[in-house]
Amino acid sequence: MTAFPDRPSVLFVCVHNAGRSQMAQAWVSHLAGDAVEVRSAGSAPGDAVNPAAVEAMAEVGIDMSAAEPKVLTADTVQASDVVITMGCGDACPIFPGKRYEDWALEDPAGKGVESVRPIRDEIRGRVEELLGSLGVRV
């Protein structure tokens, strides 16, 4: 059970927690505000968030400049109602009763902002669908 039973809890997981999962977390925070508890983590966190992801999100008015990669823990998964994986394979622990989805998204690592924009936009669309499935209006 989550610490906030009155609102859903979503966890986004990718390998480095430096691009896709950070953008997804930022989109949920931006679109849903406090209606959803959201976090992100990585199975092998990077040293910093991808600067091209930060720039791409800034272009749509979302500041990710203070975001930092975080390590994925079993406790973080256990505390989440919905776990969205993005290319982390079998590194994410599986717990009964959780909703799991795997989003096949291109990895923005090593790409310039021009290549990150379509990934950012695809993540927004998927986040909007996710929020709708959770009954959250955007």
N, C-alpha and C. Protein backbone atom coordinates (compact mmCIF):
# COMPACT_ATOMS: atom_id res chain seq x y z
N MET A 1 0.84 -1.19 0.00
CA MET A 1 0.00 0.00 0.00
C MET A 1 0.88 1.24 0.00
N THR A 2 0.43 2.26 -0.66
CA THR A 2 1.22 3.48 -0.71
C THR A 2 1.01 4.30 0.55
N ALA A 3 1.88 5.25 0.75
CA ALA A 3 1.76 6.15 1.88
C ALA A 3 0.60 7.12 1.67
N PHE A 4 0.11 7.24 0.44
CA PHE A 4 -0.97 8.17 0.11
C PHE A 4 -2.10 7.38 -0.56
N PRO A 5 -2.92 6.67 0.23
CA PRO A 5 -3.95 5.82 -0.37
C PRO A 5 -4.99 6.59 -1.17
N ASP A 6 -5.08 7.92 -0.98
CA ASP A 6 -6.06 8.72 -1.71
C ASP A 6 -5.56 9.15 -3.08
N ARG A 7 -4.32 8.84 -3.40
CA ARG A 7 -3.81 9.18 -4.73
C ARG A 7 -2.87 8.07 -5.19
N PRO A 8 -2.86 7.82 -6.49
CA PRO A 8 -2.00 6.75 -7.00
C PRO A 8 -0.52 7.14 -6.95
N SER A 9 0.32 6.13 -6.88
CA SER A 9 1.76 6.31 -6.85
C SER A 9 2.36 5.64 -8.08
N VAL A 10 3.16 6.40 -8.85
CA VAL A 10 3.76 5.89 -10.09
C VAL A 10 5.27 5.99 -9.99
N LEU A 11 5.93 4.93 -10.44
CA LEU A 11 7.39 4.88 -10.49
C LEU A 11 7.82 4.63 -11.93
N PHE A 12 8.72 5.48 -12.43
CA PHE A 12 9.30 5.30 -13.77
C PHE A 12 10.73 4.81 -13.60
N VAL A 13 11.06 3.74 -14.33
CA VAL A 13 12.38 3.12 -14.19
C VAL A 13 13.04 2.98 -15.55
N CYS A 14 14.26 3.46 -15.67
CA CYS A 14 15.10 3.15 -16.83
C CYS A 14 16.51 2.85 -16.29
N VAL A 15 17.41 2.52 -17.14
CA VAL A 15 18.72 2.08 -16.69
C VAL A 15 19.46 3.17 -15.92
N HIS A 16 19.64 4.33 -16.54
CA HIS A 16 20.48 5.37 -15.93
C HIS A 16 19.71 6.45 -15.17
N ASN A 17 18.37 6.42 -15.26
CA ASN A 17 17.54 7.45 -14.62
C ASN A 17 18.05 8.84 -14.99
N ALA A 18 18.41 8.99 -16.26
CA ALA A 18 19.00 10.24 -16.71
C ALA A 18 18.25 10.88 -17.87
N GLY A 19 17.26 10.19 -18.44
CA GLY A 19 16.56 10.72 -19.60
C GLY A 19 15.08 10.40 -19.57
N ARG A 20 14.72 9.23 -20.09
CA ARG A 20 13.31 8.87 -20.26
C ARG A 20 12.52 8.92 -18.95
N SER A 21 13.03 8.26 -17.92
CA SER A 21 12.28 8.21 -16.66
C SER A 21 12.20 9.57 -16.00
N GLN A 22 13.24 10.38 -16.14
CA GLN A 22 13.22 11.74 -15.59
C GLN A 22 12.19 12.60 -16.32
N MET A 23 12.14 12.47 -17.66
CA MET A 23 11.16 13.25 -18.42
C MET A 23 9.74 12.81 -18.06
N ALA A 24 9.52 11.51 -17.92
CA ALA A 24 8.19 11.01 -17.57
C ALA A 24 7.77 11.53 -16.19
N GLN A 25 8.69 11.48 -15.23
CA GLN A 25 8.38 12.00 -13.90
C GLN A 25 8.03 13.49 -13.97
N ALA A 26 8.79 14.24 -14.74
CA ALA A 26 8.54 15.67 -14.87
C ALA A 26 7.19 15.94 -15.54
N TRP A 27 6.83 15.14 -16.54
CA TRP A 27 5.53 15.31 -17.20
C TRP A 27 4.40 15.05 -16.21
N VAL A 28 4.49 13.98 -15.43
CA VAL A 28 3.43 13.68 -14.47
C VAL A 28 3.29 14.83 -13.47
N SER A 29 4.41 15.29 -12.94
CA SER A 29 4.36 16.40 -11.98
C SER A 29 3.73 17.63 -12.61
N HIS A 30 4.09 17.91 -13.85
CA HIS A 30 3.59 19.09 -14.55
C HIS A 30 2.09 18.97 -14.85
N LEU A 31 1.67 17.80 -15.34
CA LEU A 31 0.29 17.63 -15.78
C LEU A 31 -0.69 17.30 -14.66
N ALA A 32 -0.23 16.57 -13.64
CA ALA A 32 -1.14 16.08 -12.59
C ALA A 32 -0.96 16.80 -11.26
N GLY A 33 0.13 17.54 -11.11
CA GLY A 33 0.37 18.22 -9.84
C GLY A 33 0.43 17.23 -8.70
N ASP A 34 -0.28 17.53 -7.61
CA ASP A 34 -0.26 16.67 -6.43
C ASP A 34 -1.24 15.51 -6.51
N ALA A 35 -1.94 15.36 -7.62
CA ALA A 35 -2.93 14.29 -7.74
C ALA A 35 -2.28 12.91 -7.83
N VAL A 36 -1.00 12.88 -8.17
CA VAL A 36 -0.27 11.62 -8.31
C VAL A 36 1.07 11.75 -7.59
N GLU A 37 1.40 10.73 -6.80
CA GLU A 37 2.73 10.66 -6.21
C GLU A 37 3.63 10.03 -7.28
N VAL A 38 4.71 10.69 -7.64
CA VAL A 38 5.53 10.20 -8.75
C VAL A 38 7.00 10.23 -8.36
N ARG A 39 7.71 9.21 -8.82
CA ARG A 39 9.16 9.15 -8.61
C ARG A 39 9.78 8.41 -9.77
N SER A 40 11.09 8.50 -9.88
CA SER A 40 11.81 7.76 -10.91
C SER A 40 13.10 7.24 -10.32
N ALA A 41 13.64 6.20 -10.97
CA ALA A 41 14.88 5.59 -10.48
C ALA A 41 15.53 4.82 -11.63
N GLY A 42 16.78 4.43 -11.41
CA GLY A 42 17.51 3.68 -12.42
C GLY A 42 18.16 2.44 -11.85
N SER A 43 18.24 1.41 -12.67
CA SER A 43 18.88 0.17 -12.23
C SER A 43 20.40 0.34 -12.14
N ALA A 44 20.95 1.27 -12.91
CA ALA A 44 22.37 1.63 -12.85
C ALA A 44 22.47 3.13 -13.09
N PRO A 45 22.12 3.94 -12.07
CA PRO A 45 21.99 5.39 -12.27
C PRO A 45 23.25 6.04 -12.82
N GLY A 46 23.04 7.01 -13.70
CA GLY A 46 24.14 7.78 -14.26
C GLY A 46 24.62 8.83 -13.27
N ASP A 47 25.61 9.59 -13.70
CA ASP A 47 26.17 10.65 -12.86
C ASP A 47 25.33 11.92 -12.87
N ALA A 48 24.60 12.15 -13.97
CA ALA A 48 23.82 13.37 -14.10
C ALA A 48 22.68 13.13 -15.10
N VAL A 49 21.67 13.99 -15.04
CA VAL A 49 20.58 13.92 -16.00
C VAL A 49 21.09 14.43 -17.35
N ASN A 50 20.65 13.78 -18.40
CA ASN A 50 21.05 14.11 -19.77
C ASN A 50 20.74 15.59 -20.06
N PRO A 51 21.76 16.39 -20.40
CA PRO A 51 21.54 17.81 -20.67
C PRO A 51 20.57 18.06 -21.82
N ALA A 52 20.54 17.17 -22.81
CA ALA A 52 19.60 17.35 -23.93
C ALA A 52 18.16 17.12 -23.46
N ALA A 53 17.95 16.22 -22.51
CA ALA A 53 16.61 16.01 -21.94
C ALA A 53 16.20 17.23 -21.13
N VAL A 54 17.12 17.78 -20.36
CA VAL A 54 16.83 19.00 -19.59
C VAL A 54 16.46 20.13 -20.54
N GLU A 55 17.21 20.29 -21.62
CA GLU A 55 16.94 21.36 -22.59
C GLU A 55 15.61 21.14 -23.29
N ALA A 56 15.32 19.91 -23.70
CA ALA A 56 14.06 19.62 -24.39
C ALA A 56 12.87 19.91 -23.50
N MET A 57 12.96 19.57 -22.22
CA MET A 57 11.85 19.83 -21.30
C MET A 57 11.73 21.33 -21.02
N ALA A 58 12.86 22.04 -20.95
CA ALA A 58 12.82 23.49 -20.73
C ALA A 58 12.08 24.18 -21.87
N GLU A 59 12.20 23.64 -23.08
CA GLU A 59 11.51 24.22 -24.23
C GLU A 59 9.99 24.21 -24.08
N VAL A 60 9.47 23.29 -23.25
CA VAL A 60 8.02 23.23 -23.02
C VAL A 60 7.66 23.74 -21.63
N GLY A 61 8.60 24.48 -21.03
CA GLY A 61 8.32 25.14 -19.76
C GLY A 61 8.46 24.29 -18.51
N ILE A 62 9.19 23.17 -18.61
CA ILE A 62 9.38 22.29 -17.46
C ILE A 62 10.85 22.29 -17.08
N ASP A 63 11.14 22.69 -15.85
CA ASP A 63 12.52 22.79 -15.37
C ASP A 63 12.95 21.50 -14.70
N MET A 64 13.88 20.79 -15.33
CA MET A 64 14.45 19.57 -14.75
C MET A 64 15.90 19.79 -14.32
N SER A 65 16.34 21.03 -14.25
CA SER A 65 17.75 21.31 -14.00
C SER A 65 18.24 20.81 -12.65
N ALA A 66 17.36 20.67 -11.67
CA ALA A 66 17.78 20.20 -10.35
C ALA A 66 17.62 18.69 -10.18
N ALA A 67 17.11 18.00 -11.19
CA ALA A 67 16.90 16.56 -11.09
C ALA A 67 18.23 15.82 -11.02
N GLU A 68 18.23 14.74 -10.25
CA GLU A 68 19.43 13.90 -10.11
C GLU A 68 19.03 12.43 -10.23
N PRO A 69 19.87 11.62 -10.90
CA PRO A 69 19.59 10.19 -10.99
C PRO A 69 19.56 9.55 -9.60
N LYS A 70 18.62 8.62 -9.42
CA LYS A 70 18.46 7.90 -8.15
C LYS A 70 18.51 6.41 -8.41
N VAL A 71 18.97 5.66 -7.43
CA VAL A 71 19.08 4.21 -7.56
C VAL A 71 17.73 3.55 -7.28
N LEU A 72 17.43 2.53 -8.06
CA LEU A 72 16.21 1.75 -7.89
C LEU A 72 16.37 0.82 -6.69
N THR A 73 15.40 0.85 -5.79
CA THR A 73 15.40 -0.07 -4.65
C THR A 73 14.11 -0.85 -4.63
N ALA A 74 14.13 -2.00 -3.98
CA ALA A 74 12.92 -2.81 -3.84
C ALA A 74 11.86 -2.03 -3.07
N ASP A 75 12.27 -1.24 -2.08
CA ASP A 75 11.32 -0.43 -1.30
C ASP A 75 10.58 0.57 -2.18
N THR A 76 11.30 1.17 -3.13
CA THR A 76 10.67 2.14 -4.02
C THR A 76 9.61 1.45 -4.87
N VAL A 77 9.91 0.27 -5.37
CA VAL A 77 8.93 -0.48 -6.16
C VAL A 77 7.75 -0.87 -5.27
N GLN A 78 8.05 -1.37 -4.09
CA GLN A 78 7.00 -1.81 -3.16
C GLN A 78 6.05 -0.67 -2.82
N ALA A 79 6.54 0.56 -2.75
CA ALA A 79 5.73 1.72 -2.37
C ALA A 79 4.93 2.29 -3.54
N SER A 80 5.03 1.69 -4.72
CA SER A 80 4.37 2.23 -5.91
C SER A 80 3.20 1.35 -6.34
N ASP A 81 2.15 2.01 -6.83
CA ASP A 81 0.99 1.28 -7.37
C ASP A 81 1.23 0.85 -8.81
N VAL A 82 1.88 1.74 -9.56
CA VAL A 82 2.14 1.50 -10.98
C VAL A 82 3.64 1.65 -11.21
N VAL A 83 4.23 0.68 -11.91
CA VAL A 83 5.65 0.72 -12.22
C VAL A 83 5.78 0.68 -13.75
N ILE A 84 6.38 1.74 -14.29
CA ILE A 84 6.60 1.83 -15.73
C ILE A 84 8.09 1.64 -15.99
N THR A 85 8.43 0.58 -16.73
CA THR A 85 9.83 0.35 -17.06
C THR A 85 10.08 0.82 -18.49
N MET A 86 11.32 1.24 -18.70
CA MET A 86 11.72 1.78 -20.00
C MET A 86 13.09 1.22 -20.36
N GLY A 87 13.12 -0.03 -20.71
CA GLY A 87 14.37 -0.62 -21.15
C GLY A 87 15.30 -1.07 -20.05
N CYS A 88 14.77 -1.35 -18.85
CA CYS A 88 15.67 -1.81 -17.78
C CYS A 88 15.67 -3.33 -17.66
N GLY A 89 14.96 -4.01 -18.54
CA GLY A 89 14.99 -5.46 -18.56
C GLY A 89 14.50 -6.08 -17.27
N ASP A 90 15.23 -7.08 -16.80
CA ASP A 90 14.83 -7.82 -15.61
C ASP A 90 15.34 -7.20 -14.32
N ALA A 91 15.92 -6.01 -14.39
CA ALA A 91 16.50 -5.38 -13.20
C ALA A 91 15.44 -4.88 -12.22
N CYS A 92 14.21 -4.74 -12.67
CA CYS A 92 13.16 -4.21 -11.81
C CYS A 92 12.50 -5.34 -11.03
N PRO A 93 12.49 -5.26 -9.70
CA PRO A 93 11.85 -6.31 -8.91
C PRO A 93 10.35 -6.35 -9.17
N ILE A 94 9.79 -7.54 -9.15
CA ILE A 94 8.37 -7.74 -9.40
C ILE A 94 7.68 -8.11 -8.08
N PHE A 95 6.63 -7.38 -7.76
CA PHE A 95 5.84 -7.66 -6.56
C PHE A 95 4.39 -7.90 -6.97
N PRO A 96 3.74 -8.88 -6.37
CA PRO A 96 2.33 -9.13 -6.68
C PRO A 96 1.48 -7.91 -6.35
N GLY A 97 0.44 -7.70 -7.13
CA GLY A 97 -0.51 -6.62 -6.86
C GLY A 97 -0.12 -5.28 -7.45
N LYS A 98 1.02 -5.20 -8.07
CA LYS A 98 1.45 -3.95 -8.72
C LYS A 98 1.04 -3.99 -10.19
N ARG A 99 0.81 -2.85 -10.73
CA ARG A 99 0.55 -2.74 -12.17
C ARG A 99 1.86 -2.41 -12.85
N TYR A 100 2.26 -3.24 -13.79
CA TYR A 100 3.51 -3.04 -14.52
C TYR A 100 3.22 -2.77 -15.99
N GLU A 101 3.95 -1.81 -16.55
CA GLU A 101 3.92 -1.56 -17.99
C GLU A 101 5.36 -1.36 -18.45
N ASP A 102 5.65 -1.80 -19.66
CA ASP A 102 6.96 -1.54 -20.24
C ASP A 102 6.75 -0.65 -21.46
N TRP A 103 7.35 0.54 -21.40
CA TRP A 103 7.24 1.47 -22.52
C TRP A 103 8.51 1.36 -23.36
N ALA A 104 8.36 0.91 -24.59
CA ALA A 104 9.49 0.83 -25.51
C ALA A 104 9.71 2.21 -26.11
N LEU A 105 10.72 2.89 -25.58
CA LEU A 105 11.05 4.24 -26.02
C LEU A 105 12.51 4.31 -26.40
N GLU A 106 12.82 5.09 -27.39
CA GLU A 106 14.21 5.29 -27.78
C GLU A 106 14.98 5.94 -26.63
N ASP A 107 16.20 5.49 -26.42
CA ASP A 107 17.04 6.04 -25.36
C ASP A 107 17.67 7.34 -25.85
N PRO A 108 17.48 8.44 -25.11
CA PRO A 108 18.04 9.72 -25.54
C PRO A 108 19.54 9.88 -25.25
N ALA A 109 20.16 8.90 -24.62
CA ALA A 109 21.58 9.00 -24.27
C ALA A 109 22.42 9.29 -25.50
N GLY A 110 23.27 10.30 -25.40
CA GLY A 110 24.20 10.64 -26.47
C GLY A 110 23.58 11.38 -27.65
N LYS A 111 22.30 11.70 -27.55
CA LYS A 111 21.62 12.39 -28.65
C LYS A 111 21.51 13.88 -28.35
N GLY A 112 21.42 14.67 -29.41
CA GLY A 112 21.21 16.10 -29.26
C GLY A 112 19.74 16.41 -29.03
N VAL A 113 19.46 17.66 -28.70
CA VAL A 113 18.09 18.05 -28.37
C VAL A 113 17.12 17.80 -29.52
N GLU A 114 17.59 17.93 -30.78
CA GLU A 114 16.72 17.68 -31.93
C GLU A 114 16.19 16.25 -31.92
N SER A 115 17.01 15.31 -31.50
CA SER A 115 16.61 13.90 -31.45
C SER A 115 15.81 13.58 -30.19
N VAL A 116 15.96 14.40 -29.15
CA VAL A 116 15.27 14.15 -27.89
C VAL A 116 13.83 14.68 -27.93
N ARG A 117 13.59 15.70 -28.73
CA ARG A 117 12.23 16.29 -28.79
C ARG A 117 11.15 15.26 -29.11
N PRO A 118 11.31 14.40 -30.13
CA PRO A 118 10.25 13.42 -30.41
C PRO A 118 10.06 12.42 -29.25
N ILE A 119 11.14 12.09 -28.56
CA ILE A 119 11.04 11.19 -27.40
C ILE A 119 10.24 11.89 -26.30
N ARG A 120 10.57 13.15 -26.05
CA ARG A 120 9.84 13.96 -25.06
C ARG A 120 8.36 13.97 -25.38
N ASP A 121 8.02 14.20 -26.64
CA ASP A 121 6.62 14.31 -27.04
C ASP A 121 5.90 12.97 -26.93
N GLU A 122 6.59 11.87 -27.27
CA GLU A 122 5.99 10.54 -27.13
C GLU A 122 5.73 10.24 -25.65
N ILE A 123 6.67 10.61 -24.80
CA ILE A 123 6.50 10.39 -23.36
C ILE A 123 5.28 11.17 -22.87
N ARG A 124 5.12 12.41 -23.31
CA ARG A 124 3.96 13.19 -22.89
C ARG A 124 2.66 12.47 -23.24
N GLY A 125 2.57 11.99 -24.47
CA GLY A 125 1.36 11.28 -24.89
C GLY A 125 1.09 10.05 -24.04
N ARG A 126 2.13 9.30 -23.74
CA ARG A 126 1.96 8.10 -22.92
C ARG A 126 1.58 8.47 -21.49
N VAL A 127 2.16 9.54 -20.97
CA VAL A 127 1.82 9.99 -19.62
C VAL A 127 0.36 10.43 -19.57
N GLU A 128 -0.10 11.15 -20.59
CA GLU A 128 -1.50 11.56 -20.62
C GLU A 128 -2.43 10.36 -20.61
N GLU A 129 -2.09 9.32 -21.39
CA GLU A 129 -2.88 8.08 -21.38
C GLU A 129 -2.85 7.41 -20.02
N LEU A 130 -1.67 7.35 -19.42
CA LEU A 130 -1.53 6.75 -18.09
C LEU A 130 -2.39 7.49 -17.07
N LEU A 131 -2.30 8.81 -17.07
CA LEU A 131 -3.08 9.60 -16.11
C LEU A 131 -4.57 9.37 -16.32
N GLY A 132 -4.99 9.30 -17.59
CA GLY A 132 -6.40 9.02 -17.87
C GLY A 132 -6.83 7.67 -17.31
N SER A 133 -5.95 6.66 -17.43
CA SER A 133 -6.28 5.33 -16.91
C SER A 133 -6.34 5.30 -15.39
N LEU A 134 -5.69 6.28 -14.76
CA LEU A 134 -5.71 6.38 -13.30
C LEU A 134 -6.85 7.31 -12.81
N GLY A 135 -7.61 7.84 -13.77
CA GLY A 135 -8.72 8.72 -13.41
C GLY A 135 -8.30 10.13 -13.06
N VAL A 136 -7.10 10.52 -13.52
CA VAL A 136 -6.59 11.87 -13.23
C VAL A 136 -6.82 12.75 -14.44
N ARG A 137 -7.47 13.88 -14.21
CA ARG A 137 -7.70 14.82 -15.31
C ARG A 137 -6.47 15.69 -15.54
N VAL A 138 -6.20 15.94 -16.82
CA VAL A 138 -5.07 16.82 -17.15
C VAL A 138 -5.54 18.00 -17.95
